[in-house]
Amino acid sequence: MPLSMPTDIAQIIQLAIAPVFLLAGIGAMLNVMTNRLARVVDRWRAVEKLLAGDSAEDRQRHVMELAAIDKRMVRINRAVTLSTLAALLICLVIVTLFGGELAGMDVSTVVSVLFVASMGVLIAGLVYFLGEISVATRTLRVAPHLITSETSRRRKRQPVARP
């Protein structure tokens, strides 16, 4: 059954608006993730260069940092891959909505399955992204002895208020 009026097309477009907004949100998240990946790769290259002239102690510290960077790269790559898959599934939702209407078929079950699959994959991608953030936070903490010494230096510089 062909589309009868422009109102049928308008109805399909209305149904497709929510997935399109979701697609825009996933795109923004992918932008953030790829920027983080680029920063991780830049740090990898910098640490790799430092390894060449390191002493044994510094070398061990840098090798440990490279191991953490490797974990971050794996997790962020998986997050990007899963988020991209979620975006592709949302695109399939939109295409299925239009194709079903044009063919005059009931595609509600297919659309539902695709949408739920997209949300599942997106959740998995966000979990990997959270894991990458966790590794980054764990490995980038300032050593406690540096915080203590800096705090004591600030206290020495500040005049004591007298009542």
N, C-alpha and C. Protein backbone atom coordinates (compact mmCIF):
# COMPACT_ATOMS: atom_id res chain seq x y z
N MET A 1 0.84 -1.18 0.00
CA MET A 1 0.00 0.00 0.00
C MET A 1 0.88 1.24 0.00
N PRO A 2 0.84 2.02 -1.09
CA PRO A 2 1.68 3.21 -1.19
C PRO A 2 1.20 4.29 -0.23
N LEU A 3 2.10 5.24 0.02
CA LEU A 3 1.74 6.36 0.89
C LEU A 3 0.66 7.17 0.20
N SER A 4 -0.38 7.52 0.96
CA SER A 4 -1.51 8.21 0.35
C SER A 4 -1.35 9.71 0.33
N MET A 5 -0.80 10.27 1.36
CA MET A 5 -0.75 11.72 1.47
C MET A 5 0.55 12.16 2.13
N PRO A 6 0.85 13.43 2.02
CA PRO A 6 2.01 13.94 2.74
C PRO A 6 1.89 13.75 4.26
N THR A 7 0.67 13.59 4.75
CA THR A 7 0.51 13.38 6.19
C THR A 7 1.11 12.05 6.62
N ASP A 8 1.08 11.03 5.74
CA ASP A 8 1.71 9.75 6.06
C ASP A 8 3.22 9.92 6.22
N ILE A 9 3.80 10.68 5.32
CA ILE A 9 5.24 10.93 5.39
C ILE A 9 5.55 11.74 6.65
N ALA A 10 4.72 12.73 6.95
CA ALA A 10 4.93 13.54 8.15
C ALA A 10 4.87 12.67 9.41
N GLN A 11 3.98 11.70 9.41
CA GLN A 11 3.85 10.80 10.55
C GLN A 11 5.12 9.95 10.73
N ILE A 12 5.67 9.47 9.64
CA ILE A 12 6.90 8.68 9.71
C ILE A 12 8.04 9.55 10.23
N ILE A 13 8.11 10.77 9.73
CA ILE A 13 9.18 11.68 10.17
C ILE A 13 9.04 11.96 11.67
N GLN A 14 7.82 12.13 12.15
CA GLN A 14 7.61 12.33 13.58
C GLN A 14 8.09 11.14 14.39
N LEU A 15 7.84 9.94 13.89
CA LEU A 15 8.32 8.74 14.58
C LEU A 15 9.84 8.65 14.57
N ALA A 16 10.46 9.17 13.54
CA ALA A 16 11.91 9.05 13.40
C ALA A 16 12.67 10.14 14.15
N ILE A 17 11.99 11.16 14.65
CA ILE A 17 12.69 12.28 15.29
C ILE A 17 13.43 11.85 16.56
N ALA A 18 12.79 11.06 17.42
CA ALA A 18 13.44 10.63 18.67
C ALA A 18 14.72 9.85 18.39
N PRO A 19 14.69 8.87 17.48
CA PRO A 19 15.95 8.18 17.18
C PRO A 19 17.02 9.10 16.58
N VAL A 20 16.61 10.10 15.84
CA VAL A 20 17.57 11.03 15.26
C VAL A 20 18.25 11.85 16.36
N PHE A 21 17.48 12.28 17.37
CA PHE A 21 18.09 12.99 18.50
C PHE A 21 19.04 12.07 19.26
N LEU A 22 18.66 10.83 19.43
CA LEU A 22 19.54 9.86 20.07
C LEU A 22 20.82 9.69 19.27
N LEU A 23 20.69 9.64 17.98
CA LEU A 23 21.85 9.53 17.09
C LEU A 23 22.78 10.74 17.27
N ALA A 24 22.22 11.93 17.40
CA ALA A 24 23.03 13.13 17.63
C ALA A 24 23.76 13.04 18.97
N GLY A 25 23.10 12.54 19.99
CA GLY A 25 23.74 12.37 21.29
C GLY A 25 24.87 11.36 21.25
N ILE A 26 24.65 10.27 20.55
CA ILE A 26 25.71 9.26 20.41
C ILE A 26 26.89 9.85 19.65
N GLY A 27 26.60 10.65 18.64
CA GLY A 27 27.67 11.32 17.89
C GLY A 27 28.50 12.23 18.78
N ALA A 28 27.85 12.97 19.67
CA ALA A 28 28.58 13.85 20.60
C ALA A 28 29.45 13.02 21.54
N MET A 29 28.90 11.89 22.00
CA MET A 29 29.69 11.01 22.88
C MET A 29 30.89 10.44 22.13
N LEU A 30 30.69 10.05 20.90
CA LEU A 30 31.81 9.53 20.09
C LEU A 30 32.89 10.58 19.92
N ASN A 31 32.49 11.82 19.80
CA ASN A 31 33.46 12.91 19.69
C ASN A 31 34.31 12.99 20.95
N VAL A 32 33.68 12.93 22.10
CA VAL A 32 34.40 12.97 23.38
C VAL A 32 35.34 11.76 23.49
N MET A 33 34.83 10.58 23.14
CA MET A 33 35.63 9.36 23.26
C MET A 33 36.84 9.39 22.33
N THR A 34 36.66 9.83 21.11
CA THR A 34 37.79 9.86 20.18
C THR A 34 38.81 10.91 20.59
N ASN A 35 38.37 12.01 21.19
CA ASN A 35 39.32 13.00 21.71
C ASN A 35 40.14 12.41 22.85
N ARG A 36 39.49 11.65 23.73
CA ARG A 36 40.23 10.99 24.81
C ARG A 36 41.21 9.97 24.25
N LEU A 37 40.78 9.23 23.24
CA LEU A 37 41.67 8.26 22.62
C LEU A 37 42.90 8.95 22.02
N ALA A 38 42.69 10.08 21.39
CA ALA A 38 43.81 10.82 20.80
C ALA A 38 44.78 11.27 21.89
N ARG A 39 44.27 11.72 23.02
CA ARG A 39 45.13 12.13 24.13
C ARG A 39 45.92 10.94 24.68
N VAL A 40 45.28 9.79 24.78
CA VAL A 40 45.95 8.59 25.27
C VAL A 40 47.06 8.18 24.31
N VAL A 41 46.79 8.22 23.02
CA VAL A 41 47.80 7.87 22.02
C VAL A 41 48.97 8.85 22.09
N ASP A 42 48.67 10.14 22.26
CA ASP A 42 49.75 11.13 22.38
C ASP A 42 50.62 10.84 23.60
N ARG A 43 49.98 10.48 24.71
CA ARG A 43 50.75 10.17 25.92
C ARG A 43 51.59 8.91 25.70
N TRP A 44 51.03 7.92 25.01
CA TRP A 44 51.78 6.69 24.70
C TRP A 44 53.06 7.03 23.96
N ARG A 45 52.93 7.87 22.94
CA ARG A 45 54.10 8.25 22.13
C ARG A 45 55.13 8.99 22.97
N ALA A 46 54.67 9.87 23.85
CA ALA A 46 55.59 10.64 24.69
C ALA A 46 56.34 9.73 25.67
N VAL A 47 55.64 8.81 26.29
CA VAL A 47 56.28 7.90 27.24
C VAL A 47 57.22 6.95 26.52
N GLU A 48 56.84 6.53 25.33
CA GLU A 48 57.69 5.65 24.54
C GLU A 48 59.04 6.31 24.24
N LYS A 49 59.00 7.61 23.94
CA LYS A 49 60.24 8.35 23.68
C LYS A 49 61.09 8.47 24.94
N LEU A 50 60.43 8.59 26.10
CA LEU A 50 61.16 8.72 27.36
C LEU A 50 61.91 7.43 27.72
N LEU A 51 61.41 6.30 27.24
CA LEU A 51 62.02 5.01 27.58
C LEU A 51 63.45 4.87 27.07
N ALA A 52 63.77 5.53 25.99
CA ALA A 52 65.07 5.34 25.35
C ALA A 52 66.23 5.71 26.27
N GLY A 53 66.13 6.82 26.99
CA GLY A 53 67.26 7.27 27.80
C GLY A 53 67.03 7.12 29.29
N ASP A 54 66.14 6.23 29.70
CA ASP A 54 65.79 6.11 31.11
C ASP A 54 66.78 5.28 31.91
N SER A 55 66.86 5.62 33.19
CA SER A 55 67.57 4.75 34.12
C SER A 55 66.65 3.56 34.42
N ALA A 56 67.16 2.56 35.13
CA ALA A 56 66.37 1.36 35.42
C ALA A 56 65.12 1.70 36.22
N GLU A 57 65.24 2.61 37.18
CA GLU A 57 64.09 2.98 38.02
C GLU A 57 63.03 3.72 37.21
N ASP A 58 63.48 4.69 36.42
CA ASP A 58 62.55 5.44 35.58
C ASP A 58 61.91 4.54 34.53
N ARG A 59 62.70 3.64 34.01
CA ARG A 59 62.19 2.72 32.99
C ARG A 59 61.05 1.87 33.54
N GLN A 60 61.21 1.37 34.75
CA GLN A 60 60.16 0.55 35.37
C GLN A 60 58.89 1.37 35.57
N ARG A 61 59.04 2.61 36.00
CA ARG A 61 57.87 3.49 36.20
C ARG A 61 57.18 3.75 34.86
N HIS A 62 57.96 4.00 33.82
CA HIS A 62 57.37 4.27 32.51
C HIS A 62 56.72 3.02 31.90
N VAL A 63 57.30 1.86 32.14
CA VAL A 63 56.70 0.62 31.64
C VAL A 63 55.36 0.39 32.33
N MET A 64 55.30 0.69 33.63
CA MET A 64 54.02 0.57 34.35
C MET A 64 52.99 1.55 33.80
N GLU A 65 53.43 2.76 33.47
CA GLU A 65 52.51 3.73 32.88
C GLU A 65 52.03 3.28 31.51
N LEU A 66 52.93 2.68 30.73
CA LEU A 66 52.53 2.17 29.41
C LEU A 66 51.50 1.05 29.54
N ALA A 67 51.63 0.23 30.57
CA ALA A 67 50.64 -0.83 30.80
C ALA A 67 49.27 -0.23 31.09
N ALA A 68 49.24 0.84 31.89
CA ALA A 68 47.97 1.51 32.19
C ALA A 68 47.42 2.18 30.94
N ILE A 69 48.29 2.78 30.15
CA ILE A 69 47.86 3.42 28.90
C ILE A 69 47.27 2.38 27.96
N ASP A 70 47.90 1.20 27.92
CA ASP A 70 47.39 0.12 27.07
C ASP A 70 45.98 -0.28 27.50
N LYS A 71 45.75 -0.41 28.81
CA LYS A 71 44.40 -0.72 29.31
C LYS A 71 43.41 0.35 28.88
N ARG A 72 43.83 1.61 28.99
CA ARG A 72 42.95 2.71 28.61
C ARG A 72 42.60 2.64 27.12
N MET A 73 43.62 2.35 26.28
CA MET A 73 43.38 2.29 24.84
C MET A 73 42.42 1.16 24.48
N VAL A 74 42.59 0.01 25.12
CA VAL A 74 41.69 -1.12 24.85
C VAL A 74 40.27 -0.75 25.23
N ARG A 75 40.09 -0.17 26.40
CA ARG A 75 38.74 0.15 26.86
C ARG A 75 38.10 1.25 26.03
N ILE A 76 38.84 2.26 25.69
CA ILE A 76 38.24 3.34 24.91
C ILE A 76 37.96 2.89 23.49
N ASN A 77 38.81 2.01 22.93
CA ASN A 77 38.52 1.45 21.61
C ASN A 77 37.23 0.64 21.62
N ARG A 78 37.05 -0.16 22.67
CA ARG A 78 35.80 -0.93 22.78
C ARG A 78 34.61 -0.01 22.95
N ALA A 79 34.77 1.04 23.73
CA ALA A 79 33.68 2.00 23.93
C ALA A 79 33.30 2.66 22.60
N VAL A 80 34.29 3.05 21.83
CA VAL A 80 34.03 3.68 20.52
C VAL A 80 33.35 2.68 19.59
N THR A 81 33.85 1.45 19.56
CA THR A 81 33.28 0.43 18.68
C THR A 81 31.82 0.15 19.05
N LEU A 82 31.55 -0.02 20.33
CA LEU A 82 30.18 -0.32 20.75
C LEU A 82 29.25 0.87 20.54
N SER A 83 29.74 2.07 20.78
CA SER A 83 28.91 3.26 20.56
C SER A 83 28.61 3.45 19.07
N THR A 84 29.59 3.15 18.24
CA THR A 84 29.36 3.23 16.79
C THR A 84 28.34 2.19 16.35
N LEU A 85 28.43 1.00 16.91
CA LEU A 85 27.44 -0.04 16.62
C LEU A 85 26.04 0.40 17.06
N ALA A 86 25.95 1.05 18.22
CA ALA A 86 24.66 1.58 18.69
C ALA A 86 24.11 2.60 17.69
N ALA A 87 24.98 3.47 17.19
CA ALA A 87 24.54 4.47 16.20
C ALA A 87 24.05 3.78 14.92
N LEU A 88 24.76 2.74 14.50
CA LEU A 88 24.32 2.01 13.29
C LEU A 88 22.96 1.34 13.52
N LEU A 89 22.75 0.79 14.69
CA LEU A 89 21.46 0.17 14.99
C LEU A 89 20.34 1.21 15.01
N ILE A 90 20.63 2.40 15.50
CA ILE A 90 19.63 3.48 15.48
C ILE A 90 19.33 3.87 14.03
N CYS A 91 20.34 3.90 13.20
CA CYS A 91 20.11 4.17 11.77
C CYS A 91 19.20 3.11 11.16
N LEU A 92 19.42 1.86 11.55
CA LEU A 92 18.55 0.78 11.06
C LEU A 92 17.12 0.95 11.56
N VAL A 93 16.96 1.45 12.77
CA VAL A 93 15.60 1.74 13.28
C VAL A 93 14.91 2.74 12.37
N ILE A 94 15.62 3.80 12.02
CA ILE A 94 15.03 4.85 11.18
C ILE A 94 14.70 4.31 9.80
N VAL A 95 15.63 3.56 9.21
CA VAL A 95 15.39 2.98 7.88
C VAL A 95 14.23 2.00 7.92
N THR A 96 14.16 1.20 8.98
CA THR A 96 13.07 0.23 9.10
C THR A 96 11.72 0.93 9.24
N LEU A 97 11.69 2.03 9.99
CA LEU A 97 10.43 2.80 10.12
C LEU A 97 9.95 3.26 8.75
N PHE A 98 10.84 3.86 7.97
CA PHE A 98 10.46 4.34 6.64
C PHE A 98 10.14 3.18 5.69
N GLY A 99 11.01 2.17 5.70
CA GLY A 99 10.79 1.02 4.81
C GLY A 99 9.50 0.30 5.11
N GLY A 100 9.18 0.12 6.38
CA GLY A 100 7.94 -0.55 6.77
C GLY A 100 6.71 0.23 6.32
N GLU A 101 6.79 1.53 6.45
CA GLU A 101 5.65 2.35 6.04
C GLU A 101 5.50 2.34 4.51
N LEU A 102 6.61 2.42 3.81
CA LEU A 102 6.56 2.40 2.35
C LEU A 102 6.05 1.05 1.83
N ALA A 103 6.43 -0.04 2.49
CA ALA A 103 6.00 -1.37 2.07
C ALA A 103 4.65 -1.75 2.65
N GLY A 104 4.15 -0.94 3.57
CA GLY A 104 2.86 -1.24 4.19
C GLY A 104 2.92 -2.45 5.12
N MET A 105 4.06 -2.63 5.78
CA MET A 105 4.24 -3.77 6.68
C MET A 105 4.28 -3.30 8.13
N ASP A 106 3.91 -4.21 9.03
CA ASP A 106 4.03 -3.93 10.45
C ASP A 106 5.46 -4.26 10.88
N VAL A 107 6.21 -3.24 11.22
CA VAL A 107 7.61 -3.43 11.59
C VAL A 107 7.85 -3.12 13.07
N SER A 108 6.79 -3.07 13.84
CA SER A 108 6.93 -2.67 15.23
C SER A 108 7.83 -3.61 16.02
N THR A 109 7.73 -4.91 15.76
CA THR A 109 8.58 -5.86 16.48
C THR A 109 10.05 -5.67 16.09
N VAL A 110 10.32 -5.52 14.81
CA VAL A 110 11.69 -5.33 14.34
C VAL A 110 12.27 -4.04 14.91
N VAL A 111 11.49 -2.97 14.88
CA VAL A 111 11.95 -1.68 15.41
C VAL A 111 12.23 -1.79 16.90
N SER A 112 11.36 -2.48 17.62
CA SER A 112 11.55 -2.66 19.06
C SER A 112 12.84 -3.44 19.36
N VAL A 113 13.05 -4.51 18.63
CA VAL A 113 14.25 -5.33 18.84
C VAL A 113 15.51 -4.52 18.51
N LEU A 114 15.49 -3.80 17.41
CA LEU A 114 16.64 -2.99 17.03
C LEU A 114 16.93 -1.91 18.07
N PHE A 115 15.86 -1.28 18.58
CA PHE A 115 16.04 -0.21 19.56
C PHE A 115 16.60 -0.76 20.87
N VAL A 116 16.05 -1.88 21.34
CA VAL A 116 16.54 -2.49 22.58
C VAL A 116 18.00 -2.95 22.40
N ALA A 117 18.31 -3.52 21.26
CA ALA A 117 19.69 -3.93 20.98
C ALA A 117 20.62 -2.72 20.99
N SER A 118 20.17 -1.63 20.41
CA SER A 118 20.96 -0.41 20.38
C SER A 118 21.23 0.09 21.79
N MET A 119 20.21 0.08 22.63
CA MET A 119 20.39 0.53 24.01
C MET A 119 21.34 -0.40 24.77
N GLY A 120 21.24 -1.69 24.53
CA GLY A 120 22.14 -2.65 25.18
C GLY A 120 23.59 -2.41 24.80
N VAL A 121 23.82 -2.21 23.51
CA VAL A 121 25.18 -1.97 23.02
C VAL A 121 25.70 -0.62 23.52
N LEU A 122 24.83 0.38 23.56
CA LEU A 122 25.23 1.69 24.06
C LEU A 122 25.60 1.62 25.55
N ILE A 123 24.82 0.87 26.32
CA ILE A 123 25.13 0.69 27.74
C ILE A 123 26.50 0.03 27.89
N ALA A 124 26.76 -0.99 27.11
CA ALA A 124 28.07 -1.67 27.17
C ALA A 124 29.19 -0.70 26.81
N GLY A 125 28.98 0.12 25.80
CA GLY A 125 29.98 1.13 25.43
C GLY A 125 30.23 2.12 26.55
N LEU A 126 29.17 2.53 27.23
CA LEU A 126 29.33 3.48 28.33
C LEU A 126 30.05 2.83 29.52
N VAL A 127 29.82 1.54 29.72
CA VAL A 127 30.52 0.82 30.79
C VAL A 127 32.03 0.79 30.49
N TYR A 128 32.40 0.51 29.26
CA TYR A 128 33.81 0.53 28.88
C TYR A 128 34.39 1.93 29.02
N PHE A 129 33.62 2.94 28.65
CA PHE A 129 34.07 4.33 28.79
C PHE A 129 34.30 4.67 30.26
N LEU A 130 33.39 4.24 31.11
CA LEU A 130 33.54 4.44 32.54
C LEU A 130 34.78 3.71 33.06
N GLY A 131 35.03 2.52 32.53
CA GLY A 131 36.23 1.78 32.89
C GLY A 131 37.50 2.52 32.50
N GLU A 132 37.50 3.12 31.33
CA GLU A 132 38.66 3.89 30.89
C GLU A 132 38.88 5.08 31.81
N ILE A 133 37.82 5.75 32.18
CA ILE A 133 37.93 6.90 33.08
C ILE A 133 38.47 6.43 34.44
N SER A 134 38.02 5.27 34.88
CA SER A 134 38.48 4.72 36.15
C SER A 134 39.98 4.44 36.12
N VAL A 135 40.46 3.83 35.05
CA VAL A 135 41.89 3.54 34.92
C VAL A 135 42.68 4.86 34.88
N ALA A 136 42.18 5.83 34.14
CA ALA A 136 42.86 7.12 34.04
C ALA A 136 42.94 7.79 35.40
N THR A 137 41.87 7.77 36.15
CA THR A 137 41.84 8.40 37.46
C THR A 137 42.79 7.69 38.42
N ARG A 138 42.79 6.38 38.38
CA ARG A 138 43.64 5.59 39.27
C ARG A 138 45.12 5.83 39.00
N THR A 139 45.48 6.00 37.74
CA THR A 139 46.90 6.13 37.39
C THR A 139 47.40 7.57 37.39
N LEU A 140 46.51 8.52 37.46
CA LEU A 140 46.93 9.92 37.37
C LEU A 140 46.81 10.67 38.70
N ARG A 141 46.75 9.96 39.80
CA ARG A 141 46.68 10.61 41.10
C ARG A 141 48.04 11.19 41.46
N VAL A 142 47.99 12.31 42.16
CA VAL A 142 49.21 12.94 42.63
C VAL A 142 49.69 12.19 43.86
N ALA A 143 50.98 11.97 43.92
CA ALA A 143 51.55 11.25 45.05
C ALA A 143 51.29 12.02 46.35
N PRO A 144 50.90 11.32 47.41
CA PRO A 144 50.56 12.00 48.68
C PRO A 144 51.70 12.85 49.23
N HIS A 145 52.95 12.42 49.07
CA HIS A 145 54.06 13.21 49.61
C HIS A 145 54.21 14.55 48.89
N LEU A 146 53.79 14.62 47.64
CA LEU A 146 53.83 15.89 46.91
C LEU A 146 52.75 16.83 47.40
N ILE A 147 51.59 16.30 47.68
CA ILE A 147 50.47 17.12 48.17
C ILE A 147 50.83 17.67 49.55
N THR A 148 51.37 16.84 50.42
CA THR A 148 51.72 17.25 51.78
C THR A 148 52.78 18.34 51.76
N SER A 149 53.81 18.16 50.96
CA SER A 149 54.88 19.16 50.94
C SER A 149 54.40 20.47 50.34
N GLU A 150 53.55 20.42 49.33
CA GLU A 150 53.02 21.64 48.72
C GLU A 150 52.11 22.37 49.69
N THR A 151 51.30 21.63 50.43
CA THR A 151 50.39 22.23 51.40
C THR A 151 51.18 22.91 52.51
N SER A 152 52.25 22.27 52.99
CA SER A 152 53.05 22.88 54.05
C SER A 152 53.77 24.12 53.55
N ARG A 153 54.21 24.14 52.28
CA ARG A 153 54.84 25.34 51.72
C ARG A 153 53.86 26.49 51.64
N ARG A 154 52.64 26.20 51.28
CA ARG A 154 51.62 27.27 51.20
C ARG A 154 51.34 27.85 52.57
N ARG A 155 51.28 27.01 53.56
CA ARG A 155 51.01 27.48 54.92
C ARG A 155 52.13 28.39 55.40
N LYS A 156 53.37 28.06 55.05
CA LYS A 156 54.50 28.87 55.48
C LYS A 156 54.46 30.24 54.82
N ARG A 157 53.99 30.31 53.58
CA ARG A 157 53.95 31.58 52.85
C ARG A 157 52.82 32.48 53.30
N GLN A 158 51.72 31.92 53.77
CA GLN A 158 50.55 32.72 54.14
C GLN A 158 50.75 33.29 55.53
N PRO A 159 50.50 34.60 55.67
CA PRO A 159 50.62 35.20 57.00
C PRO A 159 49.49 34.68 57.90
N VAL A 160 49.81 34.54 59.15
CA VAL A 160 48.83 34.06 60.13
C VAL A 160 47.98 35.25 60.56
N ALA A 161 46.67 35.06 60.49
CA ALA A 161 45.75 36.14 60.90
C ALA A 161 45.75 36.21 62.43
N ARG A 162 45.89 37.43 62.96
CA ARG A 162 45.89 37.61 64.41
C ARG A 162 44.61 38.32 64.82
N PRO A 163 44.02 37.86 65.93
CA PRO A 163 42.76 38.49 66.38
C PRO A 163 42.97 39.87 66.96
